[in-house]
Amino acid sequence: MRIIANIDKGTGQIRVVLHEWKSQVYVDIRLWYEKDGQFHPGTKGLKFHAELLPELRSALEEAEGVIERGEKIGGTDEAGEAKENQFL
């Protein structure tokens, strides 16, 4: 296991970790919480094969660009139906 980053989010951390299992490398991005002065992994997170990292990076860069450009973002209502785009 190798910790790549600890990102403070006020009520805990977002931790990026590399794991190796059966000669395969995985990326784990998980919320960690503090209890009694120690950090512990939470149940909320994402673990995926490292081969998907370039695709995820590209998607995150695209999301960042949409936000920076102030583009409209679509959404869905409670029934899953598309609703009109909204500005950020």
Protein backbone atom coordinates (compact mmCIF):
# COMPACT_ATOMS: atom_id res chain seq x y z
CA MET A 1 0.00 0.00 0.00
CA ARG A 2 1.22 3.49 -0.84
CA ILE A 3 -0.57 6.67 0.22
CA ILE A 4 -0.50 9.16 -2.64
CA ALA A 5 -2.51 12.01 -1.10
CA ASN A 6 -4.48 13.06 1.97
CA ILE A 7 -6.92 15.84 1.11
CA ASP A 8 -8.45 17.62 4.10
CA LYS A 9 -12.19 18.08 3.78
CA GLY A 10 -12.85 19.52 7.22
CA THR A 11 -14.76 16.58 8.69
CA GLY A 12 -12.20 14.02 7.55
CA GLN A 13 -9.98 13.25 4.61
CA ILE A 14 -10.18 12.09 1.07
CA ARG A 15 -7.31 9.62 0.78
CA VAL A 16 -5.82 8.40 -2.51
CA VAL A 17 -4.02 5.07 -2.07
CA LEU A 18 -2.41 2.53 -4.39
CA HIS A 19 -2.89 -1.15 -3.51
CA GLU A 20 -1.36 -4.23 -5.06
CA TRP A 21 -3.24 -7.52 -5.02
CA LYS A 22 -2.33 -10.62 -6.99
CA SER A 23 0.23 -8.60 -8.98
CA GLN A 24 -2.46 -6.09 -10.01
CA VAL A 25 -2.41 -2.42 -9.02
CA TYR A 26 -5.59 -0.71 -7.81
CA VAL A 27 -6.40 2.92 -7.00
CA ASP A 28 -8.54 3.54 -3.92
CA ILE A 29 -10.12 6.98 -3.41
CA ARG A 30 -11.95 6.86 -0.11
CA LEU A 31 -13.35 9.09 2.61
CA TRP A 32 -11.55 8.59 5.93
CA TYR A 33 -12.95 9.70 9.29
CA GLU A 34 -11.19 10.55 12.53
CA LYS A 35 -11.99 8.72 15.75
CA ASP A 36 -9.98 8.99 18.96
CA GLY A 37 -7.17 10.80 17.13
CA GLN A 38 -6.80 8.08 14.48
CA PHE A 39 -8.04 8.04 10.90
CA HIS A 40 -10.10 5.07 9.67
CA PRO A 41 -11.40 4.20 6.19
CA GLY A 42 -15.08 4.82 5.64
CA THR A 43 -17.46 2.86 3.47
CA LYS A 44 -17.79 5.66 0.89
CA GLY A 45 -15.21 5.45 -1.82
CA LEU A 46 -14.14 4.10 -5.15
CA LYS A 47 -11.62 1.35 -5.90
CA PHE A 48 -10.66 0.55 -9.48
CA HIS A 49 -7.95 -1.09 -11.57
CA ALA A 50 -5.06 1.29 -12.30
CA GLU A 51 -5.50 0.72 -16.05
CA LEU A 52 -8.62 2.92 -15.83
CA LEU A 53 -6.68 5.85 -14.35
CA PRO A 54 -6.06 7.68 -17.69
CA GLU A 55 -9.76 7.48 -18.56
CA LEU A 56 -10.77 8.74 -15.11
CA ARG A 57 -8.20 11.56 -15.30
CA SER A 58 -9.61 12.62 -18.68
CA ALA A 59 -13.17 12.63 -17.30
CA LEU A 60 -12.12 14.69 -14.27
CA GLU A 61 -10.31 17.18 -16.51
CA GLU A 62 -13.45 17.49 -18.65
CA ALA A 63 -15.57 18.07 -15.53
CA GLU A 64 -13.12 20.73 -14.35
CA GLY A 65 -13.33 22.45 -17.76
CA VAL A 66 -17.13 22.50 -17.67
CA ILE A 67 -17.03 24.11 -14.22
CA GLU A 68 -14.34 26.65 -15.17
CA ARG A 69 -16.24 27.66 -18.32
CA GLY A 70 -19.49 28.03 -16.37
CA GLU A 71 -21.32 25.72 -18.76
CA LYS A 72 -24.85 24.57 -18.10
CA ILE A 73 -25.26 21.29 -16.27
CA GLY A 74 -28.29 19.10 -16.86
CA GLY A 75 -29.97 17.10 -14.16
CA THR A 76 -32.82 14.74 -13.46
CA ASP A 77 -35.84 14.95 -11.23
CA GLU A 78 -36.82 12.34 -8.64
CA ALA A 79 -38.32 10.11 -11.36
CA GLY A 80 -35.09 10.19 -13.39
CA GLU A 81 -36.60 12.43 -16.08
CA ALA A 82 -34.32 15.03 -17.67
CA LYS A 83 -35.01 18.56 -16.55
CA GLU A 84 -33.81 21.84 -17.99
CA ASN A 85 -30.15 22.72 -17.75
CA GLN A 86 -29.15 24.87 -14.84
CA PHE A 87 -26.18 27.15 -14.38
CA LEU A 88 -23.71 26.34 -11.63
